[in-house]
Amino acid sequence: MIELDNAGYSYGGAEIFSALDLSLAPGSFHFLTGPSGAGKTTLLKLCYGELIATGGQVRLFGQDARALGRDQVAQMRRRIGVVHQDCQFLDHLSVAENIALPLTVSNRAAHPNDVTDLLGWVGLTRQANQRPPELSGGERQRAALARAVIMSPDVILADEPTGNVDWEMSQRLLSLLVELNKMGKTVLIATHDLSLIRTAKSQISARVLRLKDRKLQLAGADL
């Protein structure tokens, strides 16, 4: 579905990483870990076409990302749900309206039941008419996940989704992502939280990757 072949990325003359090989197969679950500044967010951006590799090749659903036009990238992103680290919302819209926004942008009508069901799935039914500033950190993360899956994407990419929440909430978010994976979605989570990885590996078959010293490698069994 998403493949990196000898991919690299440099910025301002500095090489962030190089010679990366990665394949996100249908229904697979991956964790991406590594020290701060290693390039985890950059790697995720290559996976959804926000950045173009400066070396090697990135293929999104069989197509060379470098050859895609603007409209083609927009179409491709409908198949990829992204949970950003900063969880940006439009504060003048309600939580329900923010979650439905990807449908609005793509000129698809949001069926009220779809949004209601999704709010229930992430446990935000009571917060549907609140504004984003009224939400807690955990509620914002769950709203971000709901927004990422409203288009029923094939792939979910999450950048430090549990970085600003407590352990109980991180477990709740993980359970939602595991549930998506069991529904056949491909999941890639960038995280520093090794306890979260250990918990996930006790529930599902997850591949753990470490980005370090500009290279991508399988993490050890000690995780």
C-alpha atoms as a PDB file:
ATOM      1  CA  MET A   1       0.000   0.000   0.000  1.00  0.00           C
ATOM      2  CA  ILE A   2       2.789   2.392   0.981  1.00  0.00           C
ATOM      3  CA  GLU A   3       6.350   1.501   0.021  1.00  0.00           C
ATOM      4  CA  LEU A   4       9.662   3.260   0.517  1.00  0.00           C
ATOM      5  CA  ASP A   5      12.494   1.982  -1.631  1.00  0.00           C
ATOM      6  CA  ASN A   6      15.963   3.275  -0.723  1.00  0.00           C
ATOM      7  CA  ALA A   7      14.232   6.514   0.278  1.00  0.00           C
ATOM      8  CA  GLY A   8      16.044   9.473   1.766  1.00  0.00           C
ATOM      9  CA  TYR A   9      15.275  13.029   2.759  1.00  0.00           C
ATOM     10  CA  SER A  10      17.571  16.023   3.113  1.00  0.00           C
ATOM     11  CA  TYR A  11      16.669  19.516   4.239  1.00  0.00           C
ATOM     12  CA  GLY A  12      18.831  22.610   3.958  1.00  0.00           C
ATOM     13  CA  GLY A  13      21.777  20.522   2.869  1.00  0.00           C
ATOM     14  CA  ALA A  14      21.532  18.241   5.914  1.00  0.00           C
ATOM     15  CA  GLU A  15      20.638  14.591   5.466  1.00  0.00           C
ATOM     16  CA  ILE A  16      17.856  13.551   7.850  1.00  0.00           C
ATOM     17  CA  PHE A  17      17.875   9.918   6.761  1.00  0.00           C
ATOM     18  CA  SER A  18      18.807   7.817   3.761  1.00  0.00           C
ATOM     19  CA  ALA A  19      18.455   4.369   2.184  1.00  0.00           C
ATOM     20  CA  LEU A  20      15.207   3.566   4.004  1.00  0.00           C
ATOM     21  CA  ASP A  21      13.194   0.528   2.946  1.00  0.00           C
ATOM     22  CA  LEU A  22       9.682   0.167   4.333  1.00  0.00           C
ATOM     23  CA  SER A  23       6.549  -1.642   3.205  1.00  0.00           C
ATOM     24  CA  LEU A  24       3.181  -1.087   4.860  1.00  0.00           C
ATOM     25  CA  ALA A  25       1.170  -4.111   3.772  1.00  0.00           C
ATOM     26  CA  PRO A  26      -2.636  -4.266   4.002  1.00  0.00           C
ATOM     27  CA  GLY A  27      -3.754  -4.993   7.565  1.00  0.00           C
ATOM     28  CA  SER A  28      -0.289  -4.630   9.103  1.00  0.00           C
ATOM     29  CA  PHE A  29       0.495  -2.795  12.361  1.00  0.00           C
ATOM     30  CA  HIS A  30       3.761  -0.905  12.790  1.00  0.00           C
ATOM     31  CA  PHE A  31       5.357   1.187  15.497  1.00  0.00           C
ATOM     32  CA  LEU A  32       8.016   3.740  14.604  1.00  0.00           C
ATOM     33  CA  THR A  33      10.297   4.741  17.452  1.00  0.00           C
ATOM     34  CA  GLY A  34      13.614   6.517  17.856  1.00  0.00           C
ATOM     35  CA  PRO A  35      15.175   9.553  19.534  1.00  0.00           C
ATOM     36  CA  SER A  36      13.789  13.067  19.148  1.00  0.00           C
ATOM     37  CA  GLY A  37      15.007  14.677  15.952  1.00  0.00           C
ATOM     38  CA  ALA A  38      15.610  11.346  14.209  1.00  0.00           C
ATOM     39  CA  GLY A  39      13.039  12.180  11.538  1.00  0.00           C
ATOM     40  CA  LYS A  40       9.940  10.207  12.561  1.00  0.00           C
ATOM     41  CA  THR A  41       7.508  12.982  11.617  1.00  0.00           C
ATOM     42  CA  THR A  42       9.372  13.534   8.339  1.00  0.00           C
ATOM     43  CA  LEU A  43       9.063   9.841   7.528  1.00  0.00           C
ATOM     44  CA  LEU A  44       5.322   9.952   8.198  1.00  0.00           C
ATOM     45  CA  LYS A  45       5.009  12.963   5.880  1.00  0.00           C
ATOM     46  CA  LEU A  46       6.662  10.958   3.106  1.00  0.00           C
ATOM     47  CA  CYS A  47       4.048   8.256   3.698  1.00  0.00           C
ATOM     48  CA  TYR A  48       1.123  10.593   3.015  1.00  0.00           C
ATOM     49  CA  GLY A  49       2.644  12.776   0.330  1.00  0.00           C
ATOM     50  CA  GLU A  50       3.178  15.933   2.382  1.00  0.00           C
ATOM     51  CA  LEU A  51       6.885  15.713   1.526  1.00  0.00           C
ATOM     52  CA  ILE A  52       8.627  14.196  -1.472  1.00  0.00           C
ATOM     53  CA  ALA A  53      11.710  12.051  -0.933  1.00  0.00           C
ATOM     54  CA  THR A  54      14.957  13.659  -2.072  1.00  0.00           C
ATOM     55  CA  GLY A  55      16.403  10.219  -2.749  1.00  0.00           C
ATOM     56  CA  GLY A  56      15.015   6.838  -3.706  1.00  0.00           C
ATOM     57  CA  GLN A  57      11.330   6.256  -4.321  1.00  0.00           C
ATOM     58  CA  VAL A  58       8.061   6.375  -2.389  1.00  0.00           C
ATOM     59  CA  ARG A  59       5.055   4.550  -3.836  1.00  0.00           C
ATOM     60  CA  LEU A  60       1.557   5.316  -2.586  1.00  0.00           C
ATOM     61  CA  PHE A  61      -0.863   2.568  -3.551  1.00  0.00           C
ATOM     62  CA  GLY A  62       1.395   1.546  -6.407  1.00  0.00           C
ATOM     63  CA  GLN A  63       2.016   5.048  -7.773  1.00  0.00           C
ATOM     64  CA  ASP A  64       5.279   6.973  -7.621  1.00  0.00           C
ATOM     65  CA  ALA A  65       4.632   9.871  -5.227  1.00  0.00           C
ATOM     66  CA  ARG A  66       7.012  12.081  -7.207  1.00  0.00           C
ATOM     67  CA  ALA A  67       4.865  11.726 -10.328  1.00  0.00           C
ATOM     68  CA  LEU A  68       1.560  12.607  -8.679  1.00  0.00           C
ATOM     69  CA  GLY A  69      -0.100  15.939  -9.426  1.00  0.00           C
ATOM     70  CA  ARG A  70      -1.785  18.078  -6.812  1.00  0.00           C
ATOM     71  CA  ASP A  71      -5.256  16.641  -7.427  1.00  0.00           C
ATOM     72  CA  GLN A  72      -3.904  13.093  -7.446  1.00  0.00           C
ATOM     73  CA  VAL A  73      -2.221  13.654  -4.073  1.00  0.00           C
ATOM     74  CA  ALA A  74      -5.517  14.999  -2.697  1.00  0.00           C
ATOM     75  CA  GLN A  75      -7.307  11.893  -3.952  1.00  0.00           C
ATOM     76  CA  MET A  76      -4.633   9.646  -2.469  1.00  0.00           C
ATOM     77  CA  ARG A  77      -4.903  11.286   0.947  1.00  0.00           C
ATOM     78  CA  ARG A  78      -8.543  10.273   1.170  1.00  0.00           C
ATOM     79  CA  ARG A  79      -7.225   6.737   1.608  1.00  0.00           C
ATOM     80  CA  ILE A  80      -4.828   7.769   4.384  1.00  0.00           C
ATOM     81  CA  GLY A  81      -6.049   9.031   7.762  1.00  0.00           C
ATOM     82  CA  VAL A  82      -3.512  11.111   9.691  1.00  0.00           C
ATOM     83  CA  VAL A  83      -3.542  11.898  13.419  1.00  0.00           C
ATOM     84  CA  HIS A  84      -1.180  14.836  13.805  1.00  0.00           C
ATOM     85  CA  GLN A  85       0.831  15.466  16.939  1.00  0.00           C
ATOM     86  CA  ASP A  86      -0.625  18.941  17.476  1.00  0.00           C
ATOM     87  CA  CYS A  87      -4.331  18.043  16.869  1.00  0.00           C
ATOM     88  CA  GLN A  88      -5.283  21.288  15.135  1.00  0.00           C
ATOM     89  CA  PHE A  89      -8.993  22.065  14.900  1.00  0.00           C
ATOM     90  CA  LEU A  90     -11.159  24.968  13.776  1.00  0.00           C
ATOM     91  CA  ASP A  91     -12.166  26.455  17.099  1.00  0.00           C
ATOM     92  CA  HIS A  92     -15.316  28.156  15.790  1.00  0.00           C
ATOM     93  CA  LEU A  93     -16.795  24.797  14.743  1.00  0.00           C
ATOM     94  CA  SER A  94     -18.261  22.177  17.049  1.00  0.00           C
ATOM     95  CA  VAL A  95     -16.486  18.877  17.687  1.00  0.00           C
ATOM     96  CA  ALA A  96     -18.977  17.090  15.409  1.00  0.00           C
ATOM     97  CA  GLU A  97     -18.407  19.632  12.635  1.00  0.00           C
ATOM     98  CA  ASN A  98     -14.626  19.316  12.964  1.00  0.00           C
ATOM     99  CA  ILE A  99     -14.843  15.531  12.697  1.00  0.00           C
ATOM    100  CA  ALA A 100     -17.020  15.797   9.585  1.00  0.00           C
ATOM    101  CA  LEU A 101     -14.759  18.423   7.983  1.00  0.00           C
ATOM    102  CA  PRO A 102     -12.850  15.998   5.680  1.00  0.00           C
ATOM    103  CA  LEU A 103     -16.187  15.013   4.136  1.00  0.00           C
ATOM    104  CA  THR A 104     -17.122  18.659   3.671  1.00  0.00           C
ATOM    105  CA  VAL A 105     -13.793  19.483   2.014  1.00  0.00           C
ATOM    106  CA  SER A 106     -14.159  16.552  -0.384  1.00  0.00           C
ATOM    107  CA  ASN A 107     -17.758  17.583  -1.223  1.00  0.00           C
ATOM    108  CA  ARG A 108     -19.221  14.465   0.334  1.00  0.00           C
ATOM    109  CA  ALA A 109     -22.335  14.833   2.433  1.00  0.00           C
ATOM    110  CA  ALA A 110     -21.878  13.766   6.039  1.00  0.00           C
ATOM    111  CA  HIS A 111     -24.622  11.345   7.026  1.00  0.00           C
ATOM    112  CA  PRO A 112     -25.744  12.325  10.549  1.00  0.00           C
ATOM    113  CA  ASN A 113     -25.708   8.688  11.687  1.00  0.00           C
ATOM    114  CA  ASP A 114     -22.093   8.242  10.532  1.00  0.00           C
ATOM    115  CA  VAL A 115     -20.877  11.177  12.630  1.00  0.00           C
ATOM    116  CA  THR A 116     -23.036  10.120  15.593  1.00  0.00           C
ATOM    117  CA  ASP A 117     -21.746   6.550  15.446  1.00  0.00           C
ATOM    118  CA  LEU A 118     -18.152   7.755  15.201  1.00  0.00           C
ATOM    119  CA  LEU A 119     -18.588  10.088  18.170  1.00  0.00           C
ATOM    120  CA  GLY A 120     -19.934   7.154  20.154  1.00  0.00           C
ATOM    121  CA  TRP A 121     -17.036   4.944  19.085  1.00  0.00           C
ATOM    122  CA  VAL A 122     -14.456   7.396  20.453  1.00  0.00           C
ATOM    123  CA  GLY A 123     -16.560   8.187  23.525  1.00  0.00           C
ATOM    124  CA  LEU A 124     -17.358  11.813  22.665  1.00  0.00           C
ATOM    125  CA  THR A 125     -21.138  11.729  22.286  1.00  0.00           C
ATOM    126  CA  ARG A 126     -21.661  14.262  25.097  1.00  0.00           C
ATOM    127  CA  GLN A 127     -19.009  16.576  23.646  1.00  0.00           C
ATOM    128  CA  ALA A 128     -20.509  16.670  20.124  1.00  0.00           C
ATOM    129  CA  ASN A 129     -21.645  20.297  20.349  1.00  0.00           C
ATOM    130  CA  GLN A 130     -18.711  21.619  22.354  1.00  0.00           C
ATOM    131  CA  ARG A 131     -15.925  23.668  20.794  1.00  0.00           C
ATOM    132  CA  PRO A 132     -12.359  22.257  20.643  1.00  0.00           C
ATOM    133  CA  PRO A 133     -10.966  24.623  23.354  1.00  0.00           C
ATOM    134  CA  GLU A 134     -13.410  23.024  25.806  1.00  0.00           C
ATOM    135  CA  LEU A 135     -11.926  19.551  25.344  1.00  0.00           C
ATOM    136  CA  SER A 136      -9.263  17.903  27.485  1.00  0.00           C
ATOM    137  CA  GLY A 137      -6.051  16.622  25.902  1.00  0.00           C
ATOM    138  CA  GLY A 138      -7.375  13.074  25.716  1.00  0.00           C
ATOM    139  CA  GLU A 139     -10.676  14.207  24.223  1.00  0.00           C
ATOM    140  CA  ARG A 140      -8.826  16.203  21.563  1.00  0.00           C
ATOM    141  CA  GLN A 141      -6.761  13.141  20.639  1.00  0.00           C
ATOM    142  CA  ARG A 142      -9.896  10.995  20.329  1.00  0.00           C
ATOM    143  CA  ALA A 143     -11.563  13.687  18.209  1.00  0.00           C
ATOM    144  CA  ALA A 144      -8.463  13.771  16.003  1.00  0.00           C
ATOM    145  CA  LEU A 145      -8.662   9.999  15.553  1.00  0.00           C
ATOM    146  CA  ALA A 146     -12.355  10.215  14.663  1.00  0.00           C
ATOM    147  CA  ARG A 147     -11.608  12.913  12.098  1.00  0.00           C
ATOM    148  CA  ALA A 148      -8.816  10.785  10.629  1.00  0.00           C
ATOM    149  CA  VAL A 149     -11.118   7.810  10.021  1.00  0.00           C
ATOM    150  CA  ILE A 150     -14.305   9.624   8.907  1.00  0.00           C
ATOM    151  CA  MET A 151     -13.399   8.930   5.248  1.00  0.00           C
ATOM    152  CA  SER A 152     -12.905   5.204   6.015  1.00  0.00           C
ATOM    153  CA  PRO A 153      -9.236   5.245   4.928  1.00  0.00           C
ATOM    154  CA  ASP A 154      -7.148   2.162   4.238  1.00  0.00           C
ATOM    155  CA  VAL A 155      -4.161   3.425   6.247  1.00  0.00           C
ATOM    156  CA  ILE A 156      -3.962   5.230   9.615  1.00  0.00           C
ATOM    157  CA  LEU A 157      -0.792   7.189  10.419  1.00  0.00           C
ATOM    158  CA  ALA A 158      -0.531   8.554  13.970  1.00  0.00           C
ATOM    159  CA  ASP A 159       2.245  10.879  15.146  1.00  0.00           C
ATOM    160  CA  GLU A 160       2.767  10.569  18.922  1.00  0.00           C
ATOM    161  CA  PRO A 161      -0.996  10.130  19.541  1.00  0.00           C
ATOM    162  CA  THR A 162      -0.476   9.453  23.262  1.00  0.00           C
ATOM    163  CA  GLY A 163       2.294  11.980  23.875  1.00  0.00           C
ATOM    164  CA  ASN A 164       0.181  14.431  25.895  1.00  0.00           C
ATOM    165  CA  VAL A 165      -2.243  12.141  27.722  1.00  0.00           C
ATOM    166  CA  ASP A 166      -2.113  10.004  30.847  1.00  0.00           C
ATOM    167  CA  TRP A 167      -1.623   6.234  30.837  1.00  0.00           C
ATOM    168  CA  GLU A 168      -5.326   5.397  31.089  1.00  0.00           C
ATOM    169  CA  MET A 169      -6.150   7.582  28.095  1.00  0.00           C
ATOM    170  CA  SER A 170      -3.198   6.239  26.110  1.00  0.00           C
ATOM    171  CA  GLN A 171      -4.616   2.737  26.648  1.00  0.00           C
ATOM    172  CA  ARG A 172      -7.993   3.871  25.409  1.00  0.00           C
ATOM    173  CA  LEU A 173      -6.465   5.387  22.281  1.00  0.00           C
ATOM    174  CA  LEU A 174      -4.412   2.263  21.684  1.00  0.00           C
ATOM    175  CA  SER A 175      -7.498   0.061  21.971  1.00  0.00           C
ATOM    176  CA  LEU A 176      -9.214   2.158  19.275  1.00  0.00           C
ATOM    177  CA  LEU A 177      -6.212   1.830  16.958  1.00  0.00           C
ATOM    178  CA  VAL A 178      -6.005  -1.926  17.589  1.00  0.00           C
ATOM    179  CA  GLU A 179      -9.712  -2.190  16.802  1.00  0.00           C
ATOM    180  CA  LEU A 180      -9.149  -0.374  13.496  1.00  0.00           C
ATOM    181  CA  ASN A 181      -6.348  -2.785  12.672  1.00  0.00           C
ATOM    182  CA  LYS A 182      -8.578  -5.770  13.405  1.00  0.00           C
ATOM    183  CA  MET A 183     -11.042  -4.256  10.911  1.00  0.00           C
ATOM    184  CA  GLY A 184      -8.331  -4.580   8.269  1.00  0.00           C
ATOM    185  CA  LYS A 185      -6.795  -1.099   8.425  1.00  0.00           C
ATOM    186  CA  THR A 186      -3.039  -0.646   8.134  1.00  0.00           C
ATOM    187  CA  VAL A 187      -1.693   1.277  11.147  1.00  0.00           C
ATOM    188  CA  LEU A 188       1.637   3.061  11.679  1.00  0.00           C
ATOM    189  CA  ILE A 189       2.219   4.827  15.005  1.00  0.00           C
ATOM    190  CA  ALA A 190       5.228   7.016  15.745  1.00  0.00           C
ATOM    191  CA  THR A 191       5.853   7.013  19.493  1.00  0.00           C
ATOM    192  CA  HIS A 192       8.434   7.320  22.266  1.00  0.00           C
ATOM    193  CA  ASP A 193       6.276   5.259  24.611  1.00  0.00           C
ATOM    194  CA  LEU A 194       7.873   1.816  24.919  1.00  0.00           C
ATOM    195  CA  SER A 195       5.253   0.737  27.489  1.00  0.00           C
ATOM    196  CA  LEU A 196       2.565   1.404  24.907  1.00  0.00           C
ATOM    197  CA  ILE A 197       4.442  -0.757  22.390  1.00  0.00           C
ATOM    198  CA  ARG A 198       4.782  -3.610  24.887  1.00  0.00           C
ATOM    199  CA  THR A 199       1.071  -3.458  25.646  1.00  0.00           C
ATOM    200  CA  ALA A 200       0.171  -3.516  21.959  1.00  0.00           C
ATOM    201  CA  LYS A 201       2.482  -6.452  21.239  1.00  0.00           C
ATOM    202  CA  SER A 202       0.617  -8.485  23.855  1.00  0.00           C
ATOM    203  CA  GLN A 203      -2.597  -7.962  21.881  1.00  0.00           C
ATOM    204  CA  ILE A 204      -1.619  -8.020  18.212  1.00  0.00           C
ATOM    205  CA  SER A 205       1.246  -8.824  15.883  1.00  0.00           C
ATOM    206  CA  ALA A 206       3.085  -5.512  15.596  1.00  0.00           C
ATOM    207  CA  ARG A 207       6.338  -4.736  13.843  1.00  0.00           C
ATOM    208  CA  VAL A 208       8.585  -2.282  15.700  1.00  0.00           C
ATOM    209  CA  LEU A 209      10.937  -0.072  13.706  1.00  0.00           C
ATOM    210  CA  ARG A 210      13.618   2.222  15.093  1.00  0.00           C
ATOM    211  CA  LEU A 211      14.813   5.293  13.232  1.00  0.00           C
ATOM    212  CA  LYS A 212      18.283   6.145  14.475  1.00  0.00           C
ATOM    213  CA  ASP A 213      21.516   7.543  13.009  1.00  0.00           C
ATOM    214  CA  ARG A 214      19.690   8.231   9.726  1.00  0.00           C
ATOM    215  CA  LYS A 215      18.801   4.553   9.264  1.00  0.00           C
ATOM    216  CA  LEU A 216      15.699   2.431   9.812  1.00  0.00           C
ATOM    217  CA  GLN A 217      16.079  -0.883  11.570  1.00  0.00           C
ATOM    218  CA  LEU A 218      13.975  -3.531  13.273  1.00  0.00           C
ATOM    219  CA  ALA A 219      13.894  -2.928  17.009  1.00  0.00           C
ATOM    220  CA  GLY A 220      15.111  -5.660  19.332  1.00  0.00           C
ATOM    221  CA  ALA A 221      12.984  -8.216  21.114  1.00  0.00           C
ATOM    222  CA  ASP A 222      13.596  -6.379  24.414  1.00  0.00           C
ATOM    223  CA  LEU A 223      10.735  -4.062  23.521  1.00  0.00           C
END
